Protein backbone atom coordinates (compact mmCIF):
# COMPACT_ATOMS: atom_id res chain seq x y z
CA MET A 1 26.83 -40.12 -55.24
CA GLU A 2 26.92 -36.88 -56.47
CA GLU A 3 30.62 -34.95 -56.57
CA HIS A 4 29.39 -31.07 -55.49
CA PHE A 5 32.20 -28.45 -55.46
CA PHE A 6 32.23 -24.90 -53.25
CA GLN A 7 34.29 -22.21 -51.80
CA CYS A 8 35.74 -23.45 -48.39
CA PRO A 9 34.53 -20.47 -46.11
CA TYR A 10 37.65 -20.09 -44.89
CA CYS A 11 40.72 -19.86 -46.97
CA TRP A 12 38.25 -19.58 -50.18
CA GLU A 13 39.55 -22.33 -52.16
CA GLU A 14 37.49 -24.38 -54.34
CA ILE A 15 36.89 -28.09 -52.88
CA SER A 16 34.85 -30.75 -53.42
CA MET A 17 32.38 -33.53 -51.51
CA LEU A 18 30.79 -36.73 -52.44
CA LEU A 19 26.96 -35.71 -51.43
CA ASP A 20 24.51 -39.05 -50.73
CA ALA A 21 21.46 -37.96 -52.66
CA SER A 22 19.57 -41.09 -50.61
CA VAL A 23 19.29 -39.00 -47.66
CA ARG A 24 16.59 -36.09 -48.30
CA HIS A 25 18.47 -33.42 -45.25
CA GLN A 26 21.72 -34.09 -44.12
CA THR A 27 24.02 -31.81 -41.76
CA TYR A 28 27.26 -32.74 -40.89
CA VAL A 29 30.71 -31.53 -40.45
CA GLU A 30 33.82 -32.51 -42.56
CA ASP A 31 36.89 -30.97 -42.38
CA CYS A 32 38.56 -28.66 -45.31
CA GLU A 33 41.03 -30.70 -47.71
CA VAL A 34 43.39 -27.40 -48.13
CA CYS A 35 43.55 -25.63 -44.69
CA CYS A 36 41.88 -28.36 -42.66
CA ASN A 37 39.23 -26.28 -41.13
CA PRO A 38 36.18 -27.66 -39.57
CA ILE A 39 32.84 -26.94 -42.17
CA GLU A 40 29.88 -27.23 -41.19
CA ILE A 41 27.62 -28.75 -44.47
CA THR A 42 23.67 -28.39 -44.92
CA VAL A 43 22.56 -30.26 -47.95
CA TYR A 44 18.60 -30.86 -48.91
CA TYR A 45 17.16 -33.28 -51.71
CA GLU A 46 14.01 -33.09 -53.15
CA GLU A 47 13.42 -36.14 -55.42
CA GLY A 48 16.56 -37.20 -55.90
CA VAL A 49 17.64 -33.32 -56.98
CA LEU A 50 19.67 -31.11 -54.77
CA THR A 51 17.98 -28.10 -53.52
CA GLU A 52 20.04 -26.54 -50.89
CA PHE A 53 23.40 -26.24 -50.27
CA SER A 54 25.67 -24.75 -47.72
CA ALA A 55 28.71 -24.72 -46.29
CA GLN A 56 29.63 -21.93 -43.61
CA GLU A 57 32.31 -21.85 -40.41
CA LEU A 58 31.77 -23.74 -37.68
CA GLY A 59 29.63 -22.31 -34.92
CA GLN A 60 28.22 -19.20 -37.75
């Protein structure tokens, strides 16, 4: 597991999430720990290295 810091697309607070580098492509929804709004997280790994991360408002 790897901790990744980013800004919430709703409240702009810096938050962190634990990412699983053993799964090459992931898309899931997780609530912001500050404002509780749903964030759509998309993650890509290549050979265990994070190559793409996006955190968007749900449905955007």
